[in-house]
Protein backbone atom coordinates (compact mmCIF):
# COMPACT_ATOMS: atom_id res chain seq x y z
CA MET A 1 -32.75 -26.31 -29.66
CA THR A 2 -32.07 -26.05 -25.93
CA THR A 3 -32.01 -23.19 -23.62
CA ASN A 4 -30.64 -22.28 -20.64
CA ASP A 5 -33.09 -21.46 -17.92
CA SER A 6 -30.63 -18.81 -15.89
CA SER A 7 -29.33 -17.22 -19.28
CA LEU A 8 -32.69 -16.51 -20.13
CA GLY A 9 -33.42 -15.42 -16.62
CA ASN A 10 -30.83 -12.80 -17.06
CA SER A 11 -31.37 -11.71 -20.70
CA GLY A 12 -35.05 -10.60 -19.50
CA ALA A 13 -34.77 -9.80 -16.41
CA ALA A 14 -34.52 -5.89 -17.85
CA GLY A 15 -37.47 -6.59 -19.92
CA ASN A 16 -39.33 -7.93 -17.01
CA ALA A 17 -38.60 -5.04 -14.79
CA PRO A 18 -42.02 -3.25 -15.08
CA LEU A 19 -44.06 -6.56 -14.40
CA ASP A 20 -41.64 -6.85 -11.17
CA ALA A 21 -42.86 -3.36 -9.96
CA GLU A 22 -46.08 -3.99 -10.20
CA VAL A 23 -45.93 -7.61 -8.47
CA SER A 24 -44.48 -5.26 -5.77
CA VAL A 25 -47.40 -3.32 -5.59
CA LYS A 26 -49.89 -4.07 -2.66
CA PHE A 27 -53.58 -4.41 -4.14
CA SER A 28 -56.88 -4.45 -2.33
CA PRO A 29 -58.44 -8.26 -2.34
CA MET A 30 -61.50 -6.25 -3.62
CA VAL A 31 -59.81 -6.16 -6.90
CA GLU A 32 -60.36 -8.55 -9.88
CA LEU A 33 -57.44 -8.82 -11.72
CA GLY A 34 -56.85 -11.05 -14.08
CA GLN A 35 -59.56 -12.62 -16.54
CA SER A 36 -61.48 -15.82 -16.98
CA GLY A 37 -59.76 -15.98 -20.99
CA LEU A 38 -63.34 -16.40 -22.74
CA ARG A 39 -62.26 -15.76 -26.40
CA ARG A 40 -64.85 -12.95 -27.18
CA THR A 41 -64.61 -10.19 -29.47
CA SER A 42 -67.33 -7.16 -30.10
CA GLY A 43 -69.31 -9.16 -28.02
CA TYR A 44 -69.57 -12.44 -30.00
CA VAL A 45 -67.82 -15.38 -28.52
CA TYR A 46 -65.34 -17.88 -30.55
CA GLU A 47 -64.87 -20.41 -28.20
CA GLU A 48 -65.63 -23.15 -30.72
CA PHE A 49 -63.38 -24.11 -33.12
CA LEU A 50 -66.24 -25.66 -36.05
CA PRO A 51 -67.75 -22.86 -37.78
CA ALA A 52 -71.02 -24.04 -38.56
CA LEU A 53 -71.32 -24.30 -34.49
CA LYS A 54 -70.42 -20.29 -33.88
CA GLY A 55 -72.75 -17.71 -33.56
CA ARG A 56 -76.12 -17.41 -34.79
CA THR A 57 -75.16 -20.18 -37.28
CA ALA A 58 -74.83 -22.50 -34.82
CA ILE A 59 -78.46 -21.53 -33.21
CA GLN A 60 -80.16 -22.56 -36.98
CA VAL A 61 -78.23 -25.91 -36.71
CA PHE A 62 -79.22 -26.86 -32.70
CA ARG A 63 -82.35 -26.04 -34.06
CA GLU A 64 -82.72 -28.22 -37.26
CA MET A 65 -81.77 -31.05 -34.38
CA ARG A 66 -83.84 -29.88 -32.05
CA GLU A 67 -87.16 -29.88 -34.49
CA ASN A 68 -86.22 -32.11 -37.29
CA ASP A 69 -84.44 -35.72 -35.79
CA PRO A 70 -86.75 -38.04 -34.29
CA ILE A 71 -84.09 -39.38 -32.26
CA ILE A 72 -83.29 -35.73 -30.67
CA GLY A 73 -86.98 -34.77 -30.52
CA ALA A 74 -87.85 -37.67 -28.65
CA LEU A 75 -84.93 -37.28 -25.82
CA LEU A 76 -85.69 -33.59 -25.56
CA PHE A 77 -89.38 -34.56 -25.05
CA ALA A 78 -88.52 -36.98 -22.60
CA MET A 79 -86.25 -34.85 -20.61
CA ASP A 80 -88.86 -31.98 -20.56
CA ARG A 81 -91.68 -34.44 -19.83
CA LEU A 82 -89.58 -35.60 -16.26
CA ILE A 83 -88.96 -32.70 -15.47
CA ARG A 84 -92.40 -31.10 -15.74
CA GLN A 85 -93.90 -33.60 -13.38
CA ILE A 86 -91.40 -32.59 -10.78
CA GLU A 87 -93.20 -30.59 -7.84
CA TRP A 88 -91.72 -27.60 -6.68
CA ARG A 89 -91.71 -26.40 -2.97
CA VAL A 90 -90.89 -23.67 -1.18
CA GLU A 91 -89.07 -24.20 2.02
CA ALA A 92 -88.81 -21.69 4.92
CA ALA A 93 -85.45 -20.66 6.28
CA SER A 94 -86.79 -21.42 9.97
CA ASN A 95 -90.13 -21.96 12.23
CA SER A 96 -90.32 -18.19 12.82
CA LYS A 97 -93.17 -16.25 11.82
CA GLU A 98 -91.29 -13.89 9.76
CA ASP A 99 -89.84 -16.69 7.42
CA LYS A 100 -92.80 -18.49 7.70
CA ASP A 101 -94.81 -15.64 5.80
CA ALA A 102 -91.76 -14.76 3.52
CA ALA A 103 -92.04 -18.42 2.38
CA GLU A 104 -95.89 -18.06 1.60
CA PHE A 105 -95.18 -15.26 -0.41
CA LEU A 106 -92.83 -16.47 -2.66
CA GLU A 107 -94.98 -19.32 -3.13
CA GLN A 108 -97.77 -17.08 -3.87
CA CYS A 109 -95.73 -15.48 -6.40
CA MET A 110 -94.54 -18.62 -8.17
CA ASP A 111 -98.62 -19.27 -8.78
CA ASP A 112 -99.72 -15.92 -9.46
CA MET A 113 -97.73 -15.31 -13.00
CA SER A 114 -99.83 -15.10 -15.78
CA HIS A 115 -98.61 -18.08 -17.23
CA THR A 116 -97.91 -21.30 -15.37
CA TRP A 117 -94.62 -22.83 -13.86
CA ASP A 118 -94.31 -25.63 -15.89
CA ASP A 119 -94.75 -23.48 -19.00
CA PHE A 120 -92.05 -21.33 -17.25
CA MET A 121 -89.70 -24.75 -16.97
CA THR A 122 -90.48 -25.48 -20.85
CA GLU A 123 -89.13 -22.49 -21.80
CA VAL A 124 -86.16 -22.73 -19.20
CA LEU A 125 -85.03 -26.45 -20.67
CA THR A 126 -84.28 -24.83 -24.04
CA MET A 127 -81.20 -24.38 -22.63
CA LEU A 128 -80.50 -27.86 -23.34
CA ALA A 129 -80.66 -27.49 -27.12
CA TYR A 130 -79.00 -24.18 -27.30
CA GLY A 131 -76.85 -24.17 -24.20
CA TRP A 132 -78.41 -20.97 -22.81
CA SER A 133 -81.99 -19.35 -22.32
CA TRP A 134 -82.32 -15.90 -21.24
CA HIS A 135 -85.37 -14.75 -19.65
CA GLU A 136 -86.68 -11.17 -18.83
CA ILE A 137 -88.50 -10.86 -15.17
CA VAL A 138 -91.50 -8.56 -15.65
CA TYR A 139 -93.09 -7.35 -11.96
CA LYS A 140 -96.75 -6.37 -11.06
CA LYS A 141 -98.44 -4.66 -8.04
CA ARG A 142 -100.74 -7.17 -6.33
CA VAL A 143 -103.63 -5.10 -6.70
CA GLY A 144 -106.71 -7.23 -7.39
CA PRO A 145 -108.25 -10.36 -9.25
CA TRP A 146 -110.47 -7.73 -11.37
CA GLU A 147 -108.01 -4.98 -13.03
CA LYS A 148 -107.98 -5.20 -16.47
CA ASP A 149 -104.34 -3.66 -16.61
CA GLY A 150 -102.00 -7.03 -16.70
CA SER A 151 -99.64 -4.89 -14.25
CA LYS A 152 -101.91 -4.42 -11.60
CA ARG A 153 -103.67 -8.36 -12.19
CA SER A 154 -103.05 -11.02 -8.92
CA LYS A 155 -105.19 -13.00 -7.00
CA TYR A 156 -104.19 -11.18 -3.98
CA THR A 157 -105.34 -7.64 -3.28
CA ASP A 158 -102.00 -6.67 -0.59
CA GLY A 159 -100.43 -4.34 -2.67
CA LYS A 160 -97.17 -6.02 -2.72
CA ILE A 161 -95.22 -6.10 -5.67
CA GLY A 162 -94.82 -9.89 -7.48
CA TRP A 163 -93.75 -11.62 -10.46
CA ARG A 164 -96.03 -11.21 -13.40
CA LYS A 165 -94.25 -13.15 -15.81
CA ILE A 166 -90.83 -14.43 -16.87
CA PRO A 167 -90.92 -15.09 -20.39
CA ILE A 168 -88.04 -16.26 -22.74
CA ARG A 169 -85.98 -13.93 -25.21
CA SER A 170 -85.75 -16.42 -27.79
CA GLN A 171 -82.14 -17.51 -28.85
CA GLU A 172 -83.37 -16.90 -32.42
CA THR A 173 -83.34 -13.47 -31.63
CA TRP A 174 -79.96 -12.93 -30.11
CA LEU A 175 -77.39 -9.99 -31.67
CA ARG A 176 -74.78 -10.03 -29.36
CA TRP A 177 -73.74 -9.80 -26.03
CA ILE A 178 -72.42 -6.81 -23.71
CA PHE A 179 -69.40 -7.42 -21.53
CA ASP A 180 -67.72 -5.51 -18.85
CA ASP A 181 -64.41 -4.86 -18.30
CA THR A 182 -63.69 -8.34 -16.00
CA GLY A 183 -65.54 -10.42 -18.72
CA GLY A 184 -68.72 -10.32 -16.76
CA ILE A 185 -72.07 -10.58 -18.63
CA LYS A 186 -73.71 -6.92 -18.54
CA ALA A 187 -76.77 -7.35 -21.46
CA MET A 188 -78.06 -9.26 -24.02
CA ILE A 189 -78.84 -7.17 -27.34
CA GLN A 190 -82.05 -8.39 -29.25
CA LEU A 191 -82.63 -7.88 -32.29
CA ALA A 192 -86.88 -9.50 -32.53
CA PRO A 193 -89.44 -9.69 -35.25
CA PRO A 194 -91.48 -8.28 -36.60
CA VAL A 195 -89.97 -4.38 -35.75
CA TYR A 196 -86.82 -5.86 -35.79
CA LYS A 197 -85.08 -2.77 -33.31
CA GLN A 198 -82.09 -3.39 -31.13
CA THR A 199 -82.94 -3.93 -27.70
CA VAL A 200 -80.95 -4.14 -25.00
CA ILE A 201 -82.06 -6.38 -22.14
CA PRO A 202 -79.76 -5.60 -18.64
CA ILE A 203 -78.51 -8.89 -16.78
CA GLU A 204 -79.98 -7.30 -13.52
CA LYS A 205 -83.46 -7.42 -14.92
CA SER A 206 -82.82 -11.04 -16.22
CA LEU A 207 -82.34 -14.46 -15.41
CA LEU A 208 -79.49 -16.52 -17.36
CA PHE A 209 -80.26 -20.18 -17.07
CA ARG A 210 -76.88 -21.95 -18.96
CA THR A 211 -75.88 -26.20 -18.98
CA SER A 212 -72.16 -25.14 -17.99
CA MET A 213 -70.61 -21.77 -16.82
CA VAL A 214 -67.15 -22.77 -17.75
CA LYS A 215 -65.13 -19.40 -18.10
CA ASN A 216 -68.59 -17.68 -17.52
CA ASN A 217 -69.50 -18.19 -20.93
CA PRO A 218 -73.18 -16.68 -21.45
CA GLU A 219 -73.70 -19.43 -24.12
CA GLY A 220 -73.25 -22.09 -22.38
CA ARG A 221 -72.51 -25.53 -24.05
CA SER A 222 -75.73 -27.18 -26.02
CA LEU A 223 -76.01 -30.65 -24.51
CA LEU A 224 -76.46 -31.94 -28.45
CA ARG A 225 -72.58 -30.51 -28.93
CA ASN A 226 -71.35 -34.02 -28.30
CA ALA A 227 -74.26 -35.78 -30.84
CA TYR A 228 -73.71 -33.13 -33.74
CA ARG A 229 -70.77 -35.28 -35.49
CA PRO A 230 -72.77 -38.68 -35.79
CA TRP A 231 -76.15 -36.61 -36.29
CA TRP A 232 -74.50 -35.18 -39.34
CA VAL A 233 -73.28 -38.42 -40.49
CA LYS A 234 -76.75 -39.96 -39.72
CA LYS A 235 -78.21 -37.00 -42.15
CA ARG A 236 -76.44 -37.72 -44.93
CA LEU A 237 -76.74 -41.30 -45.13
CA GLU A 238 -80.51 -40.90 -44.62
CA GLU A 239 -80.71 -38.99 -47.74
CA HIS A 240 -78.36 -41.04 -49.32
CA GLU A 241 -80.21 -43.94 -48.68
CA ALA A 242 -83.37 -42.01 -49.62
CA ILE A 243 -82.14 -41.65 -53.47
CA GLY A 244 -80.64 -44.95 -53.57
CA VAL A 245 -84.16 -46.52 -52.36
CA GLU A 246 -85.88 -43.86 -54.89
CA ARG A 247 -83.26 -45.08 -57.84
CA ASP A 248 -83.89 -48.90 -56.95
CA LEU A 249 -87.70 -48.25 -57.31
CA ALA A 250 -87.75 -46.27 -60.11
CA GLY A 251 -84.71 -47.13 -62.06
CA LEU A 252 -82.13 -44.97 -63.75
CA PRO A 253 -83.32 -42.73 -65.86
CA VAL A 254 -81.49 -42.96 -69.69
CA ALA A 255 -82.07 -40.78 -72.54
CA LYS A 256 -80.68 -41.60 -75.98
CA VAL A 257 -80.09 -38.64 -78.37
CA PRO A 258 -78.18 -38.50 -81.77
CA ALA A 259 -74.27 -38.08 -81.50
CA ARG A 260 -74.31 -34.86 -83.67
CA MET A 261 -76.61 -33.09 -81.25
CA LEU A 262 -73.54 -33.75 -78.13
CA GLY A 263 -71.16 -32.32 -80.40
CA ALA A 264 -69.77 -28.79 -80.59
CA LYS A 265 -71.40 -27.87 -83.93
CA ALA A 266 -74.92 -28.84 -82.92
CA THR A 267 -77.01 -26.19 -83.71
CA PRO A 268 -79.27 -23.69 -81.17
CA GLU A 269 -82.41 -26.27 -81.59
CA GLU A 270 -80.62 -29.07 -81.00
CA LYS A 271 -78.84 -27.73 -77.66
CA GLN A 272 -82.33 -26.79 -76.84
CA MET A 273 -83.19 -30.27 -77.12
CA VAL A 274 -80.29 -31.80 -74.93
CA GLU A 275 -80.95 -30.08 -72.00
CA ALA A 276 -84.82 -30.60 -72.31
CA PHE A 277 -83.61 -34.49 -71.96
CA LYS A 278 -81.17 -33.70 -69.21
CA LYS A 279 -84.07 -32.10 -67.16
CA LEU A 280 -85.90 -34.83 -68.18
CA VAL A 281 -83.60 -37.62 -66.64
CA LYS A 282 -83.63 -35.43 -63.67
CA SER A 283 -86.84 -35.10 -62.90
CA VAL A 284 -88.13 -38.69 -63.27
CA ARG A 285 -90.42 -39.39 -60.13
CA ARG A 286 -92.39 -42.17 -59.39
CA ASP A 287 -95.53 -41.15 -58.50
CA GLU A 288 -99.49 -40.32 -59.52
CA GLN A 289 -98.28 -37.71 -62.53
CA GLU A 290 -95.14 -39.94 -63.97
CA GLY A 291 -95.81 -40.00 -67.74
CA ILE A 292 -92.92 -39.01 -70.54
CA VAL A 293 -93.83 -37.32 -73.85
CA LEU A 294 -91.31 -37.82 -76.92
CA PRO A 295 -90.84 -36.64 -80.39
CA GLN A 296 -91.34 -39.90 -83.04
CA GLU A 297 -88.57 -39.66 -85.12
CA PHE A 298 -86.68 -42.17 -87.18
CA ASP A 299 -83.34 -41.93 -88.79
CA GLN A 300 -83.59 -42.13 -92.59
CA ASP A 301 -80.54 -44.88 -92.89
CA SER A 302 -81.27 -47.37 -89.91
CA LYS A 303 -85.00 -46.95 -89.58
CA GLN A 304 -84.26 -46.44 -86.13
CA PRO A 305 -85.75 -43.89 -83.63
CA LEU A 306 -83.37 -40.81 -83.06
CA TYR A 307 -85.07 -40.45 -79.15
CA GLU A 308 -85.05 -43.12 -76.64
CA PHE A 309 -85.84 -42.96 -73.29
CA GLU A 310 -85.71 -46.57 -70.73
CA LEU A 311 -85.26 -46.97 -66.82
CA LEU A 312 -82.39 -49.08 -66.02
CA SER A 313 -82.13 -51.37 -63.06
CA SER A 314 -79.53 -52.45 -60.56
CA SER A 315 -78.58 -55.64 -60.51
CA GLY A 316 -77.43 -57.47 -56.99
CA GLY A 317 -77.11 -56.35 -53.38
CA ARG A 318 -75.59 -53.68 -51.48
CA GLN A 319 -72.15 -53.81 -49.90
CA PHE A 320 -73.09 -52.14 -46.78
CA ASN A 321 -76.20 -52.00 -44.70
CA THR A 322 -77.30 -48.66 -44.17
CA GLY A 323 -79.72 -49.09 -41.31
CA GLU A 324 -77.08 -50.43 -39.43
CA ILE A 325 -75.06 -48.19 -39.79
CA ILE A 326 -77.85 -45.60 -39.20
CA LYS A 327 -78.87 -47.28 -36.22
CA ARG A 328 -74.66 -46.86 -34.94
CA TYR A 329 -75.04 -43.49 -35.09
CA GLU A 330 -78.48 -42.91 -33.67
CA GLU A 331 -76.76 -44.77 -30.79
CA ARG A 332 -73.79 -43.00 -30.20
CA MET A 333 -75.83 -39.68 -30.45
CA LEU A 334 -78.06 -40.83 -27.28
CA MET A 335 -75.01 -42.00 -25.48
CA SER A 336 -73.71 -38.67 -25.35
CA VAL A 337 -76.16 -37.97 -22.96
CA LEU A 338 -76.63 -41.22 -21.51
CA ALA A 339 -80.25 -41.80 -22.85
CA ASP A 340 -79.13 -44.75 -25.27
CA PHE A 341 -82.06 -46.78 -22.81
CA ILE A 342 -84.54 -45.08 -25.04
CA LEU A 343 -83.38 -47.79 -27.68
CA VAL A 344 -84.41 -50.50 -25.52
CA GLY A 345 -86.36 -52.85 -27.18
CA HIS A 346 -85.58 -51.56 -31.04
CA GLN A 347 -82.64 -53.29 -30.79
CA SER A 348 -81.98 -56.60 -32.20
CA SER A 349 -79.56 -58.00 -29.07
CA GLY A 350 -82.06 -56.57 -26.11
CA GLY A 351 -80.73 -56.20 -22.82
CA SER A 352 -80.88 -56.88 -19.15
CA TYR A 353 -83.66 -55.42 -16.86
CA ALA A 354 -80.77 -54.86 -14.60
CA LEU A 355 -78.92 -53.04 -16.86
CA HIS A 356 -82.06 -50.93 -18.31
CA THR A 357 -82.45 -49.99 -14.49
CA ASP A 358 -79.09 -48.98 -14.48
CA LYS A 359 -79.13 -46.97 -17.35
CA THR A 360 -82.25 -44.99 -16.41
CA GLY A 361 -80.97 -43.98 -13.15
CA MET A 362 -78.36 -42.40 -14.36
CA PHE A 363 -80.49 -40.41 -16.95
CA ARG A 364 -82.78 -39.74 -14.17
CA ALA A 365 -79.34 -38.28 -12.07
CA THR A 366 -79.15 -36.27 -14.60
CA ILE A 367 -82.79 -35.02 -14.71
CA ASN A 368 -82.12 -33.76 -11.05
CA SER A 369 -78.92 -32.55 -11.51
CA ILE A 370 -80.41 -30.25 -14.42
CA ALA A 371 -83.80 -29.25 -12.02
CA GLN A 372 -81.15 -28.61 -9.17
CA SER A 373 -79.11 -25.92 -11.14
CA ILE A 374 -82.43 -24.13 -12.21
CA ALA A 375 -83.30 -23.79 -8.75
CA ASP A 376 -79.90 -22.39 -8.02
CA THR A 377 -79.87 -20.13 -10.52
CA ILE A 378 -83.70 -18.66 -9.24
CA ASN A 379 -82.80 -18.63 -5.73
CA ARG A 380 -79.43 -16.76 -6.36
CA HIS A 381 -80.82 -14.17 -8.43
CA ALA A 382 -84.35 -14.01 -9.01
CA VAL A 383 -86.12 -14.35 -5.71
CA PRO A 384 -83.50 -11.87 -3.43
CA ARG A 385 -84.14 -9.17 -6.27
CA LEU A 386 -88.25 -10.32 -5.29
CA PHE A 387 -87.60 -9.34 -1.78
CA SER A 388 -85.39 -6.08 -2.71
CA VAL A 389 -88.29 -4.63 -4.69
CA ASN A 390 -90.66 -5.06 -2.06
CA GLY A 391 -88.24 -3.81 0.59
CA TRP A 392 -88.52 -6.92 2.62
CA LYS A 393 -84.64 -7.97 3.89
CA PRO A 394 -85.02 -10.86 6.32
CA ASN A 395 -82.17 -12.43 7.87
CA GLU A 396 -82.54 -15.30 5.37
CA LEU A 397 -84.46 -15.94 2.22
CA PRO A 398 -86.72 -18.67 1.30
CA LYS A 399 -85.55 -21.18 -1.00
CA ILE A 400 -86.99 -22.88 -3.91
CA VAL A 401 -86.47 -26.86 -3.90
CA PRO A 402 -87.33 -29.00 -6.76
CA GLY A 403 -88.59 -32.25 -5.74
CA ASP A 404 -86.74 -35.74 -7.05
CA VAL A 405 -87.82 -36.84 -10.20
CA ASP A 406 -87.10 -40.66 -9.56
CA PRO A 407 -89.98 -41.47 -6.97
CA PRO A 408 -88.61 -43.48 -3.80
CA ASP A 409 -89.28 -47.69 -3.92
CA LEU A 410 -92.21 -48.13 -1.61
CA THR A 411 -90.92 -51.81 -0.37
CA GLN A 412 -87.75 -50.01 0.22
CA LEU A 413 -88.79 -47.17 2.31
CA SER A 414 -91.31 -49.38 4.38
CA SER A 415 -88.32 -51.70 5.38
CA PHE A 416 -86.20 -49.16 6.31
CA MET A 417 -88.68 -46.78 8.25
CA GLY A 418 -89.59 -50.40 9.71
CA GLN A 419 -85.87 -51.62 11.02
CA LEU A 420 -85.49 -47.86 12.51
CA SER A 421 -88.82 -48.44 14.43
CA SER A 422 -87.73 -51.53 15.93
CA ALA A 423 -84.86 -49.95 17.12
CA GLY A 424 -86.30 -46.95 18.96
CA VAL A 425 -87.25 -44.39 16.50
CA GLN A 426 -90.40 -43.04 16.82
CA TRP A 427 -91.92 -41.61 13.18
CA PHE A 428 -95.31 -40.71 14.43
CA PRO A 429 -97.23 -38.23 14.80
CA ASP A 430 -95.63 -36.13 12.09
CA PRO A 431 -97.90 -34.68 10.20
CA GLU A 432 -94.98 -33.88 7.09
CA LEU A 433 -93.28 -37.46 7.38
CA GLU A 434 -96.81 -38.17 7.04
CA LYS A 435 -97.48 -35.89 3.79
CA PHE A 436 -94.21 -36.97 2.37
CA LEU A 437 -95.35 -40.47 2.33
CA ARG A 438 -99.18 -40.11 1.04
CA SER A 439 -97.19 -38.27 -2.24
CA ALA A 440 -95.22 -41.02 -2.67
CA ALA A 441 -97.29 -43.24 -2.50
CA ARG A 442 -100.03 -41.42 -4.60
CA LEU A 443 -102.66 -41.65 -1.85
CA PRO A 444 -104.98 -38.91 -1.11
CA ASP A 445 -103.54 -35.70 0.60
CA LEU A 446 -105.01 -35.33 3.96
CA ASP A 447 -107.78 -33.29 5.30
CA PRO A 448 -106.83 -29.83 6.56
CA GLU A 449 -108.84 -30.21 9.63
CA ALA A 450 -107.20 -33.61 10.50
CA GLU A 451 -103.54 -32.17 9.62
CA LYS A 452 -104.24 -29.64 12.45
CA VAL A 453 -105.17 -32.21 14.84
CA LYS A 454 -102.15 -34.19 13.63
CA GLU A 455 -99.89 -31.26 14.32
CA GLN A 456 -101.55 -30.49 17.89
CA GLN A 457 -100.60 -34.13 18.60
CA ALA A 458 -97.11 -34.23 17.49
CA LYS A 459 -96.70 -30.82 19.78
CA GLN A 460 -98.28 -31.98 22.46
CA ALA A 461 -95.75 -35.30 22.10
CA GLN A 462 -93.06 -33.06 22.28
CA ILE A 463 -94.01 -31.00 25.53
CA LEU A 464 -94.60 -34.55 26.96
CA ALA A 465 -91.21 -35.94 25.61
CA LEU A 466 -89.43 -32.77 27.04
CA ALA A 467 -91.30 -32.69 30.25
CA GLN A 468 -90.04 -36.84 31.02
CA GLN A 469 -86.15 -35.93 30.49
CA GLN A 470 -86.80 -32.94 32.68
CA MET A 471 -88.29 -35.29 35.61
CA GLU A 472 -85.12 -37.96 34.80
CA GLY A 473 -83.16 -35.20 35.34
CA ILE A 474 -84.39 -34.07 38.41
CA GLN A 475 -84.64 -37.72 39.72
CA MET A 476 -80.82 -37.81 38.45
CA GLN A 477 -79.87 -34.88 40.65
CA GLN A 478 -81.73 -35.96 43.35
CA GLN A 479 -79.64 -39.13 43.72
CA VAL A 480 -76.96 -37.43 43.33
CA GLN A 481 -77.44 -35.19 46.17
CA GLN A 482 -78.44 -38.75 48.53
CA GLY A 483 -75.48 -39.55 47.24
CA LEU A 484 -73.53 -36.88 48.87
CA HIS A 485 -75.36 -36.58 52.09
CA ALA A 486 -74.55 -40.07 52.82
CA THR A 487 -71.09 -39.24 51.88
CA GLN A 488 -71.25 -36.32 54.42
CA ASN A 489 -73.00 -38.61 56.98
CA SER A 490 -70.27 -41.19 56.82
CA GLU A 491 -67.41 -38.87 57.45
CA MET A 492 -69.25 -36.97 60.39
CA GLY A 493 -69.64 -40.31 61.85
CA VAL A 494 -65.60 -41.10 61.48
CA SER A 495 -64.82 -37.36 62.83
CA GLU A 496 -67.53 -38.41 65.80
CA LYS A 497 -65.29 -41.76 66.37
CA GLN A 498 -61.94 -39.86 66.30
CA MET A 499 -63.59 -37.05 68.81
CA THR A 500 -64.58 -39.81 71.15
CA LEU A 501 -61.03 -41.56 71.12
CA GLN A 502 -59.61 -37.82 71.72
CA GLN A 503 -61.78 -37.49 74.27
CA GLN A 504 -61.13 -40.81 76.03
CA GLN A 505 -57.34 -39.84 76.02
CA GLU A 506 -57.50 -36.34 77.26
CA GLN A 507 -59.71 -37.91 80.57
CA MET A 508 -56.83 -40.22 81.22
CA ASN A 509 -54.65 -37.54 81.15
CA ASN A 510 -56.32 -34.48 82.48
CA PRO A 511 -59.96 -35.25 83.49
CA ASP A 512 -61.34 -31.50 83.85
CA ALA A 513 -60.26 -29.91 80.68
CA SER A 514 -61.21 -32.90 79.01
CA HIS A 515 -64.39 -32.15 80.14
CA GLN A 516 -64.43 -28.73 79.09
CA ALA A 517 -63.51 -29.37 75.43
CA GLN A 518 -66.05 -32.69 75.21
CA MET A 519 -68.77 -29.72 76.07
CA GLN A 520 -67.29 -27.41 73.50
CA GLN A 521 -67.00 -30.34 70.59
CA SER A 522 -70.21 -31.63 71.65
CA ASP A 523 -71.78 -28.12 71.17
CA GLU A 524 -70.12 -27.68 67.51
CA LEU A 525 -71.06 -31.05 66.14
CA HIS A 526 -74.78 -30.06 67.29
CA ALA A 527 -74.58 -26.46 65.52
CA GLN A 528 -73.00 -28.30 62.19
CA LYS A 529 -76.09 -30.89 62.01
CA MET A 530 -78.49 -28.35 62.85
CA SER A 531 -76.75 -26.31 59.37
CA GLN A 532 -76.75 -29.11 57.63
CA SER A 533 -80.29 -29.61 58.45
CA ASN A 534 -81.40 -26.35 57.17
CA ASP A 535 -79.57 -26.70 54.14
CA THR A 536 -81.68 -30.03 53.47
CA HIS A 537 -84.86 -28.69 54.04
CA GLN A 538 -84.06 -25.44 51.83
CA LEU A 539 -83.06 -27.51 48.97
CA SER A 540 -86.42 -29.85 49.28
CA ILE A 541 -88.50 -26.98 49.15
CA LYS A 542 -86.78 -24.91 46.14
CA GLN A 543 -87.11 -28.62 44.19
CA LYS A 544 -90.79 -28.79 44.92
CA LEU A 545 -91.22 -25.07 44.16
CA GLU A 546 -89.38 -26.17 40.46
CA GLN A 547 -91.66 -29.48 40.05
CA ALA A 548 -94.61 -27.18 40.79
CA LYS A 549 -94.13 -24.87 38.60
CA ALA A 550 -93.23 -27.36 35.48
CA ALA A 551 -96.63 -28.91 36.55
CA GLN A 552 -98.23 -25.59 35.84
CA LYS A 553 -97.01 -25.16 32.52
CA LYS A 554 -97.74 -28.62 31.03
CA THR A 555 -101.54 -28.44 32.55
CA PRO A 556 -103.87 -26.45 30.10
CA PRO A 557 -105.61 -23.81 31.17
CA PRO A 558 -109.30 -24.78 32.46
CA ALA A 559 -112.11 -24.72 29.43
CA SER A 560 -114.49 -21.44 29.84
CA LYS A 561 -118.19 -22.28 30.50
CA LYS A 562 -119.06 -21.32 27.00
CA GLY A 563 -116.60 -23.81 25.16
CA LYS A 564 -118.19 -26.15 27.83
């Protein structure tokens, strides 16, 4: 069935009149009109289409995957160890004293919590399995190291407000979310043991780390979401494989009882005996407590035992290789997070070194992006609040910057620096560059005194380079001025020749008038030369004064007698 768009528009014009009126109204650019489209009701999110991965059920499933599967456990352990080895540093906004003091204060707060920064990272990384991680920021007053009260204990005694701890609020204790009218996250409601009391934790006092911010979903998206289906199939296959192996080793239990005991006219005692035999065949296990006790009773007519028990063994092989099937699903689980290189060496096909390097490179790039997303959340929310509670409002805040999980190749780095050095780049003295190179090569740190000397040498080198540039500029100005003077002198010579020719012509025409004009022109020319000579003399004096001032700035102050 087709519909005419024009007819539809005409027929719906009356119904859309209120909407058209709303469109014509002018709104403030500060007002948010739309919604993100997140499917939520009563504090619960319904974006997931699988019932097993919704709400608190999803938390239990991801916990089982995280703690009960060796492949996923190896994956998460590798990511945790790699991010823990990253060096986190603080970068000042500029080289001004205020910005350097702000950076030093932030670095102190990172190292002055009741837990280490690496322990904090381990708790943050639970977002990889669950999709999100909620942390409450707890502050303290920095009174001193001997305070018994944890809200005052600190390495420092400046009285400033610092971070006491940033503990996790476990995903298992989550009850529901609180949203505002536009879909923004206002708080998390927690129901935690042992009290099991509902506690509202506002977002202004918290940090929410997420692997994904699509639709501003507070639950993010678990890193294990795409691995759920192969994990579910692999889990069932392993269970069936284990049952099959056990049955092949122990045999299929078979119990034989008289036919009348299985009929409808069986007595209660006979039915009870049948149930006992059913329980017996279900409970057969090959262990140190194996053994069966059977009643011995014979049929009066056939003289055969009424009760028998035996184990039937299967003949032949299986049509499917369950080991290969399980390996296939394990590979898919790791492929979903670019970590299938973990199976290198465990596969029969092997693999080239170049392929392994490329795969690990992609995985390290993923780790770097995760570390950067964590730093962005801290810099955007935790750092401004820290300076705000201290009443400290610098023009630009310092930043927490993660290092690179992939150390540089020293061979490539040295070749790169050598090529630039041959092109004229001067690398040293540079204390920061030397510190980076020592860290990359895992060499001992530079002595603090030697570092200060290096910094002074670097400053002196910068001053000398600046002075040399200034001298070259002055020399170029002098050359330009000399060229101008030469041009002016040549122009004056031409004008003198022209005047001489005019005078000779006037003398021939009028000897008396030409003599007076010649005297007047000679006086004007003499006055012009004197004026130019004075200008040149004043300019040279000014240049000499500027050179003397520049030399005075470069010359260090004389040492005192006591210092000598």
